[in-house]
């Protein structure tokens, strides 16, 4: 399930934000022993021109908007690094 969710995260962010760089890492294994261990812990690093001139909080909101219902279904925790191109 987690690879399917990671793939869907990649797909949605690629469509919504046309990133130059996109990395999605399943970090569920790092949460062994915690509540919801192994269930939907992801780290996203994304670089997109869509973030140019956009404050960090709004960048995160753009990522959340692209993922929409996944945040309720397959994602328990999401770490985001969102940057414009340098």
PDB file of N, CA and C in Angstrom:
ATOM      1  N   UNK A   1       0.823  -1.208   0.000  1.00  0.00           N
ATOM      2  CA  UNK A   1       0.000   0.000   0.000  1.00  0.00           C
ATOM      3  C   UNK A   1       0.858   1.259   0.000  1.00  0.00           C
ATOM      4  N   UNK A   2       1.937   1.278   0.789  1.00  0.00           N
ATOM      5  CA  UNK A   2       2.725   2.499   0.901  1.00  0.00           C
ATOM      6  C   UNK A   2       3.389   2.884  -0.413  1.00  0.00           C
ATOM      7  N   UNK A   3       3.827   1.906  -1.218  1.00  0.00           N
ATOM      8  CA  UNK A   3       4.416   2.234  -2.522  1.00  0.00           C
ATOM      9  C   UNK A   3       3.351   2.786  -3.453  1.00  0.00           C
ATOM     10  N   UNK A   4       2.144   2.266  -3.358  1.00  0.00           N
ATOM     11  CA  UNK A   4       1.052   2.789  -4.176  1.00  0.00           C
ATOM     12  C   UNK A   4       0.740   4.226  -3.786  1.00  0.00           C
ATOM     13  N   UNK A   5       0.739   4.507  -2.495  1.00  0.00           N
ATOM     14  CA  UNK A   5       0.477   5.867  -2.025  1.00  0.00           C
ATOM     15  C   UNK A   5       1.616   6.789  -2.450  1.00  0.00           C
ATOM     16  N   UNK A   6       2.862   6.340  -2.313  1.00  0.00           N
ATOM     17  CA  UNK A   6       4.007   7.152  -2.729  1.00  0.00           C
ATOM     18  C   UNK A   6       3.919   7.463  -4.217  1.00  0.00           C
ATOM     19  N   UNK A   7       3.516   6.499  -5.017  1.00  0.00           N
ATOM     20  CA  UNK A   7       3.341   6.724  -6.450  1.00  0.00           C
ATOM     21  C   UNK A   7       2.248   7.728  -6.745  1.00  0.00           C
ATOM     22  N   UNK A   8       1.179   7.652  -5.990  1.00  0.00           N
ATOM     23  CA  UNK A   8       0.079   8.602  -6.181  1.00  0.00           C
ATOM     24  C   UNK A   8       0.493  10.001  -5.752  1.00  0.00           C
ATOM     25  N   UNK A   9       1.279  10.115  -4.692  1.00  0.00           N
ATOM     26  CA  UNK A   9       1.813  11.419  -4.276  1.00  0.00           C
ATOM     27  C   UNK A   9       2.639  12.005  -5.415  1.00  0.00           C
ATOM     28  N   UNK A  10       3.549  11.199  -5.972  1.00  0.00           N
ATOM     29  CA  UNK A  10       4.382  11.661  -7.095  1.00  0.00           C
ATOM     30  C   UNK A  10       3.519  12.131  -8.267  1.00  0.00           C
ATOM     31  N   UNK A  11       2.551  11.315  -8.632  1.00  0.00           N
ATOM     32  CA  UNK A  11       1.697  11.622  -9.780  1.00  0.00           C
ATOM     33  C   UNK A  11       0.955  12.941  -9.578  1.00  0.00           C
ATOM     34  N   UNK A  12       0.332  13.095  -8.425  1.00  0.00           N
ATOM     35  CA  UNK A  12      -0.464  14.305  -8.171  1.00  0.00           C
ATOM     36  C   UNK A  12       0.388  15.565  -8.125  1.00  0.00           C
ATOM     37  N   UNK A  13       1.553  15.475  -7.490  1.00  0.00           N
ATOM     38  CA  UNK A  13       2.424  16.650  -7.415  1.00  0.00           C
ATOM     39  C   UNK A  13       3.003  16.994  -8.786  1.00  0.00           C
ATOM     40  N   UNK A  14       3.300  15.985  -9.587  1.00  0.00           N
ATOM     41  CA  UNK A  14       3.815  16.228 -10.939  1.00  0.00           C
ATOM     42  C   UNK A  14       2.780  16.948 -11.788  1.00  0.00           C
ATOM     43  N   UNK A  15       1.539  16.547 -11.692  1.00  0.00           N
ATOM     44  CA  UNK A  15       0.466  17.167 -12.470  1.00  0.00           C
ATOM     45  C   UNK A  15       0.186  18.587 -11.980  1.00  0.00           C
ATOM     46  N   UNK A  16       0.091  18.757 -10.681  1.00  0.00           N
ATOM     47  CA  UNK A  16      -0.317  20.049 -10.114  1.00  0.00           C
ATOM     48  C   UNK A  16       0.773  21.116 -10.138  1.00  0.00           C
ATOM     49  N   UNK A  17       2.035  20.702  -9.943  1.00  0.00           N
ATOM     50  CA  UNK A  17       3.090  21.696  -9.719  1.00  0.00           C
ATOM     51  C   UNK A  17       4.250  21.627 -10.717  1.00  0.00           C
ATOM     52  N   UNK A  18       4.215  20.713 -11.646  1.00  0.00           N
ATOM     53  CA  UNK A  18       5.250  20.566 -12.673  1.00  0.00           C
ATOM     54  C   UNK A  18       6.659  20.773 -12.091  1.00  0.00           C
ATOM     55  N   UNK A  19       7.056  19.923 -11.171  1.00  0.00           N
ATOM     56  CA  UNK A  19       8.332  20.138 -10.489  1.00  0.00           C
ATOM     57  C   UNK A  19       9.549  19.873 -11.368  1.00  0.00           C
ATOM     58  N   UNK A  20      10.619  20.602 -11.067  1.00  0.00           N
ATOM     59  CA  UNK A  20      11.924  20.323 -11.674  1.00  0.00           C
ATOM     60  C   UNK A  20      12.592  19.173 -10.937  1.00  0.00           C
ATOM     61  N   UNK A  21      12.343  19.113  -9.641  1.00  0.00           N
ATOM     62  CA  UNK A  21      12.858  18.042  -8.793  1.00  0.00           C
ATOM     63  C   UNK A  21      11.713  17.572  -7.909  1.00  0.00           C
ATOM     64  N   UNK A  22      11.572  16.255  -7.792  1.00  0.00           N
ATOM     65  CA  UNK A  22      10.544  15.701  -6.915  1.00  0.00           C
ATOM     66  C   UNK A  22      11.066  14.412  -6.307  1.00  0.00           C
ATOM     67  N   UNK A  23      11.095  14.389  -4.993  1.00  0.00           N
ATOM     68  CA  UNK A  23      11.530  13.203  -4.257  1.00  0.00           C
ATOM     69  C   UNK A  23      10.456  12.877  -3.226  1.00  0.00           C
ATOM     70  N   UNK A  24       9.980  11.648  -3.268  1.00  0.00           N
ATOM     71  CA  UNK A  24       8.997  11.174  -2.292  1.00  0.00           C
ATOM     72  C   UNK A  24       9.600   9.950  -1.617  1.00  0.00           C
ATOM     73  N   UNK A  25       9.748  10.023  -0.297  1.00  0.00           N
ATOM     74  CA  UNK A  25      10.368   8.933   0.456  1.00  0.00           C
ATOM     75  C   UNK A  25       9.370   8.409   1.479  1.00  0.00           C
ATOM     76  N   UNK A  26       9.174   7.096   1.461  1.00  0.00           N
ATOM     77  CA  UNK A  26       8.336   6.436   2.466  1.00  0.00           C
ATOM     78  C   UNK A  26       9.194   6.258   3.713  1.00  0.00           C
ATOM     79  N   UNK A  27       8.825   6.924   4.790  1.00  0.00           N
ATOM     80  CA  UNK A  27       9.583   6.849   6.036  1.00  0.00           C
ATOM     81  C   UNK A  27       8.851   6.064   7.120  1.00  0.00           C
ATOM     82  N   UNK A  28       7.902   5.264   6.730  1.00  0.00           N
ATOM     83  CA  UNK A  28       7.127   4.495   7.692  1.00  0.00           C
ATOM     84  C   UNK A  28       7.979   3.602   8.574  1.00  0.00           C
ATOM     85  N   UNK A  29       9.047   3.039   8.009  1.00  0.00           N
ATOM     86  CA  UNK A  29       9.915   2.133   8.774  1.00  0.00           C
ATOM     87  C   UNK A  29      10.658   2.851   9.905  1.00  0.00           C
ATOM     88  N   UNK A  30      10.776   4.167   9.816  1.00  0.00           N
ATOM     89  CA  UNK A  30      11.468   4.927  10.854  1.00  0.00           C
ATOM     90  C   UNK A  30      10.615   5.143  12.100  1.00  0.00           C
ATOM     91  N   UNK A  31       9.353   4.766  12.025  1.00  0.00           N
ATOM     92  CA  UNK A  31       8.427   5.035  13.123  1.00  0.00           C
ATOM     93  C   UNK A  31       8.004   3.762  13.852  1.00  0.00           C
ATOM     94  N   UNK A  32       8.813   2.737  13.750  1.00  0.00           N
ATOM     95  CA  UNK A  32       8.519   1.479  14.442  1.00  0.00           C
ATOM     96  C   UNK A  32       8.342   1.743  15.936  1.00  0.00           C
ATOM     97  N   UNK A  33       7.291   1.177  16.498  1.00  0.00           N
ATOM     98  CA  UNK A  33       7.033   1.341  17.921  1.00  0.00           C
ATOM     99  C   UNK A  33       6.164   2.536  18.266  1.00  0.00           C
ATOM    100  N   UNK A  34       5.903   3.402  17.301  1.00  0.00           N
ATOM    101  CA  UNK A  34       5.044   4.564  17.530  1.00  0.00           C
ATOM    102  C   UNK A  34       3.621   4.270  17.069  1.00  0.00           C
ATOM    103  N   UNK A  35       2.693   5.083  17.523  1.00  0.00           N
ATOM    104  CA  UNK A  35       1.319   4.957  17.039  1.00  0.00           C
ATOM    105  C   UNK A  35       1.328   5.141  15.524  1.00  0.00           C
ATOM    106  N   UNK A  36       0.557   4.349  14.821  1.00  0.00           N
ATOM    107  CA  UNK A  36       0.455   4.391  13.357  1.00  0.00           C
ATOM    108  C   UNK A  36       1.777   4.024  12.678  1.00  0.00           C
ATOM    109  N   UNK A  37       2.624   3.247  13.350  1.00  0.00           N
ATOM    110  CA  UNK A  37       3.926   2.863  12.789  1.00  0.00           C
ATOM    111  C   UNK A  37       3.753   2.187  11.448  1.00  0.00           C
ATOM    112  N   UNK A  38       4.577   2.591  10.480  1.00  0.00           N
ATOM    113  CA  UNK A  38       4.569   1.983   9.163  1.00  0.00           C
ATOM    114  C   UNK A  38       3.399   2.377   8.297  1.00  0.00           C
ATOM    115  N   UNK A  39       2.565   3.290   8.750  1.00  0.00           N
ATOM    116  CA  UNK A  39       1.358   3.642   8.004  1.00  0.00           C
ATOM    117  C   UNK A  39       1.397   5.091   7.548  1.00  0.00           C
ATOM    118  N   UNK A  40       1.799   5.304   6.325  1.00  0.00           N
ATOM    119  CA  UNK A  40       1.643   6.609   5.718  1.00  0.00           C
ATOM    120  C   UNK A  40       2.518   7.731   6.216  1.00  0.00           C
ATOM    121  N   UNK A  41       3.783   7.462   6.525  1.00  0.00           N
ATOM    122  CA  UNK A  41       4.737   8.510   6.895  1.00  0.00           C
ATOM    123  C   UNK A  41       5.608   8.785   5.670  1.00  0.00           C
ATOM    124  N   UNK A  42       5.516  10.000   5.127  1.00  0.00           N
ATOM    125  CA  UNK A  42       6.241  10.336   3.900  1.00  0.00           C
ATOM    126  C   UNK A  42       6.998  11.647   4.046  1.00  0.00           C
ATOM    127  N   UNK A  43       8.095  11.741   3.279  1.00  0.00           N
ATOM    128  CA  UNK A  43       8.858  12.977   3.185  1.00  0.00           C
ATOM    129  C   UNK A  43       8.873  13.379   1.715  1.00  0.00           C
ATOM    130  N   UNK A  44       8.544  14.647   1.450  1.00  0.00           N
ATOM    131  CA  UNK A  44       8.507  15.164   0.082  1.00  0.00           C
ATOM    132  C   UNK A  44       9.495  16.318  -0.031  1.00  0.00           C
ATOM    133  N   UNK A  45      10.328  16.255  -1.043  1.00  0.00           N
ATOM    134  CA  UNK A  45      11.208  17.369  -1.397  1.00  0.00           C
ATOM    135  C   UNK A  45      10.851  17.739  -2.825  1.00  0.00           C
ATOM    136  N   UNK A  46      10.420  18.983  -3.024  1.00  0.00           N
ATOM    137  CA  UNK A  46       9.946  19.407  -4.325  1.00  0.00           C
ATOM    138  C   UNK A  46      10.493  20.796  -4.663  1.00  0.00           C
ATOM    139  N   UNK A  47      10.962  20.934  -5.887  1.00  0.00           N
ATOM    140  CA  UNK A  47      11.428  22.215  -6.413  1.00  0.00           C
ATOM    141  C   UNK A  47      10.577  22.509  -7.633  1.00  0.00           C
ATOM    142  N   UNK A  48       9.887  23.656  -7.604  1.00  0.00           N
ATOM    143  CA  UNK A  48       8.977  24.000  -8.695  1.00  0.00           C
ATOM    144  C   UNK A  48       8.951  25.499  -8.923  1.00  0.00           C
ATOM    145  N   UNK A  49       8.866  25.892 -10.185  1.00  0.00           N
ATOM    146  CA  UNK A  49       8.730  27.314 -10.524  1.00  0.00           C
ATOM    147  C   UNK A  49       7.424  27.873  -9.966  1.00  0.00           C
ATOM    148  N   UNK A  50       6.457  27.013  -9.700  1.00  0.00           N
ATOM    149  CA  UNK A  50       5.184  27.455  -9.126  1.00  0.00           C
ATOM    150  C   UNK A  50       5.371  28.088  -7.754  1.00  0.00           C
ATOM    151  N   UNK A  51       6.511  27.819  -7.105  1.00  0.00           N
ATOM    152  CA  UNK A  51       6.783  28.363  -5.776  1.00  0.00           C
ATOM    153  C   UNK A  51       7.526  29.702  -5.809  1.00  0.00           C
ATOM    154  N   UNK A  52       7.886  30.174  -6.987  1.00  0.00           N
ATOM    155  CA  UNK A  52       8.635  31.432  -7.094  1.00  0.00           C
ATOM    156  C   UNK A  52       7.823  32.578  -6.505  1.00  0.00           C
ATOM    157  N   UNK A  53       8.425  33.304  -5.554  1.00  0.00           N
ATOM    158  CA  UNK A  53       7.766  34.437  -4.921  1.00  0.00           C
ATOM    159  C   UNK A  53       6.666  34.073  -3.935  1.00  0.00           C
ATOM    160  N   UNK A  54       6.530  32.793  -3.633  1.00  0.00           N
ATOM    161  CA  UNK A  54       5.469  32.315  -2.739  1.00  0.00           C
ATOM    162  C   UNK A  54       6.065  32.022  -1.362  1.00  0.00           C
ATOM    163  N   UNK A  55       5.461  32.544  -0.292  1.00  0.00           N
ATOM    164  CA  UNK A  55       5.973  32.275   1.058  1.00  0.00           C
ATOM    165  C   UNK A  55       5.883  30.782   1.408  1.00  0.00           C
ATOM    166  N   UNK A  56       6.755  30.306   2.301  1.00  0.00           N
ATOM    167  CA  UNK A  56       6.795  28.879   2.649  1.00  0.00           C
ATOM    168  C   UNK A  56       5.455  28.279   3.076  1.00  0.00           C
ATOM    169  N   UNK A  57       4.693  28.956   3.891  1.00  0.00           N
ATOM    170  CA  UNK A  57       3.416  28.404   4.336  1.00  0.00           C
ATOM    171  C   UNK A  57       2.473  28.166   3.158  1.00  0.00           C
ATOM    172  N   UNK A  58       2.448  29.095   2.243  1.00  0.00           N
ATOM    173  CA  UNK A  58       1.584  28.935   1.063  1.00  0.00           C
ATOM    174  C   UNK A  58       2.080  27.783   0.169  1.00  0.00           C
ATOM    175  N   UNK A  59       3.396  27.589   0.088  1.00  0.00           N
ATOM    176  CA  UNK A  59       3.944  26.454  -0.682  1.00  0.00           C
ATOM    177  C   UNK A  59       3.419  25.144  -0.113  1.00  0.00           C
ATOM    178  N   UNK A  60       3.444  25.036   1.218  1.00  0.00           N
ATOM    179  CA  UNK A  60       2.932  23.826   1.868  1.00  0.00           C
ATOM    180  C   UNK A  60       1.450  23.648   1.566  1.00  0.00           C
ATOM    181  N   UNK A  61       0.710  24.726   1.594  1.00  0.00           N
ATOM    182  CA  UNK A  61      -0.720  24.643   1.280  1.00  0.00           C
ATOM    183  C   UNK A  61      -0.946  24.186  -0.152  1.00  0.00           C
ATOM    184  N   UNK A  62      -0.075  24.597  -1.069  1.00  0.00           N
ATOM    185  CA  UNK A  62      -0.179  24.161  -2.466  1.00  0.00           C
ATOM    186  C   UNK A  62       0.049  22.649  -2.574  1.00  0.00           C
ATOM    187  N   UNK A  63       1.008  22.134  -1.805  1.00  0.00           N
ATOM    188  CA  UNK A  63       1.258  20.694  -1.790  1.00  0.00           C
ATOM    189  C   UNK A  63       0.052  19.972  -1.194  1.00  0.00           C
ATOM    190  N   UNK A  64      -0.452  20.459  -0.068  1.00  0.00           N
ATOM    191  CA  UNK A  64      -1.628  19.846   0.554  1.00  0.00           C
ATOM    192  C   UNK A  64      -2.825  19.851  -0.398  1.00  0.00           C
ATOM    193  N   UNK A  65      -3.029  20.940  -1.116  1.00  0.00           N
ATOM    194  CA  UNK A  65      -4.155  21.028  -2.054  1.00  0.00           C
ATOM    195  C   UNK A  65      -4.030  19.981  -3.155  1.00  0.00           C
ATOM    196  N   UNK A  66      -2.818  19.752  -3.626  1.00  0.00           N
ATOM    197  CA  UNK A  66      -2.612  18.757  -4.686  1.00  0.00           C
ATOM    198  C   UNK A  66      -2.885  17.339  -4.185  1.00  0.00           C
ATOM    199  N   UNK A  67      -2.626  17.101  -2.902  1.00  0.00           N
ATOM    200  CA  UNK A  67      -2.810  15.759  -2.350  1.00  0.00           C
ATOM    201  C   UNK A  67      -4.219  15.528  -1.821  1.00  0.00           C
ATOM    202  N   UNK A  68      -4.914  16.579  -1.479  1.00  0.00           N
ATOM    203  CA  UNK A  68      -6.324  16.577  -1.118  1.00  0.00           C
ATOM    204  C   UNK A  68      -6.745  15.355  -0.294  1.00  0.00           C
ATOM    205  N   UNK A  69      -7.544  14.461  -0.864  1.00  0.00           N
ATOM    206  CA  UNK A  69      -8.126  13.344  -0.130  1.00  0.00           C
ATOM    207  C   UNK A  69      -7.103  12.307   0.336  1.00  0.00           C
ATOM    208  N   UNK A  70      -5.907  12.290  -0.247  1.00  0.00           N
ATOM    209  CA  UNK A  70      -4.880  11.361   0.241  1.00  0.00           C
ATOM    210  C   UNK A  70      -4.510  11.666   1.683  1.00  0.00           C
ATOM    211  N   UNK A  71      -4.630  12.928   2.072  1.00  0.00           N
ATOM    212  CA  UNK A  71      -4.303  13.312   3.443  1.00  0.00           C
ATOM    213  C   UNK A  71      -5.251  12.664   4.441  1.00  0.00           C
ATOM    214  N   UNK A  72      -6.416  12.282   3.994  1.00  0.00           N
ATOM    215  CA  UNK A  72      -7.390  11.631   4.870  1.00  0.00           C
ATOM    216  C   UNK A  72      -7.338  10.117   4.755  1.00  0.00           C
ATOM    217  N   UNK A  73      -6.798   9.605   3.640  1.00  0.00           N
ATOM    218  CA  UNK A  73      -6.844   8.168   3.382  1.00  0.00           C
ATOM    219  C   UNK A  73      -5.523   7.452   3.620  1.00  0.00           C
ATOM    220  N   UNK A  74      -4.470   7.826   2.879  1.00  0.00           N
ATOM    221  CA  UNK A  74      -3.245   7.047   2.914  1.00  0.00           C
ATOM    222  C   UNK A  74      -2.069   7.706   3.585  1.00  0.00           C
ATOM    223  N   UNK A  75      -2.221   8.959   4.032  1.00  0.00           N
ATOM    224  CA  UNK A  75      -1.093   9.675   4.623  1.00  0.00           C
ATOM    225  C   UNK A  75      -1.390   9.988   6.081  1.00  0.00           C
ATOM    226  N   UNK A  76      -0.515   9.528   6.963  1.00  0.00           N
ATOM    227  CA  UNK A  76      -0.655   9.858   8.382  1.00  0.00           C
ATOM    228  C   UNK A  76       0.221  11.060   8.733  1.00  0.00           C
ATOM    229  N   UNK A  77       1.447  11.088   8.178  1.00  0.00           N
ATOM    230  CA  UNK A  77       2.382  12.184   8.451  1.00  0.00           C
ATOM    231  C   UNK A  77       3.098  12.549   7.154  1.00  0.00           C
ATOM    232  N   UNK A  78       3.297  13.847   6.958  1.00  0.00           N
ATOM    233  CA  UNK A  78       3.930  14.338   5.743  1.00  0.00           C
ATOM    234  C   UNK A  78       4.910  15.447   6.087  1.00  0.00           C
ATOM    235  N   UNK A  79       6.180  15.223   5.745  1.00  0.00           N
ATOM    236  CA  UNK A  79       7.216  16.235   5.918  1.00  0.00           C
ATOM    237  C   UNK A  79       7.459  16.845   4.536  1.00  0.00           C
ATOM    238  N   UNK A  80       7.442  18.181   4.459  1.00  0.00           N
ATOM    239  CA  UNK A  80       7.536  18.855   3.157  1.00  0.00           C
ATOM    240  C   UNK A  80       8.704  19.827   3.133  1.00  0.00           C
ATOM    241  N   UNK A  81       9.520  19.729   2.086  1.00  0.00           N
ATOM    242  CA  UNK A  81      10.503  20.739   1.734  1.00  0.00           C
ATOM    243  C   UNK A  81      10.098  21.227   0.361  1.00  0.00           C
ATOM    244  N   UNK A  82       9.621  22.459   0.257  1.00  0.00           N
ATOM    245  CA  UNK A  82       9.136  23.006  -1.004  1.00  0.00           C
ATOM    246  C   UNK A  82       9.886  24.301  -1.311  1.00  0.00           C
ATOM    247  N   UNK A  83      10.568  24.319  -2.454  1.00  0.00           N
ATOM    248  CA  UNK A  83      11.415  25.463  -2.807  1.00  0.00           C
ATOM    249  C   UNK A  83      11.224  25.835  -4.266  1.00  0.00           C
ATOM    250  N   UNK A  84      11.421  27.133  -4.567  1.00  0.00           N
ATOM    251  CA  UNK A  84      11.486  27.544  -5.977  1.00  0.00           C
ATOM    252  C   UNK A  84      12.875  27.203  -6.518  1.00  0.00           C
ATOM    253  N   UNK A  85      13.042  27.165  -7.834  1.00  0.00           N
ATOM    254  CA  UNK A  85      14.377  26.940  -8.395  1.00  0.00           C
ATOM    255  C   UNK A  85      15.328  28.072  -7.997  1.00  0.00           C
ATOM    256  N   UNK A  86      16.589  27.729  -7.889  1.00  0.00           N
ATOM    257  CA  UNK A  86      17.603  28.727  -7.527  1.00  0.00           C
ATOM    258  C   UNK A  86      18.074  29.447  -8.771  1.00  0.00           C
TER     259      UNK A  86
END
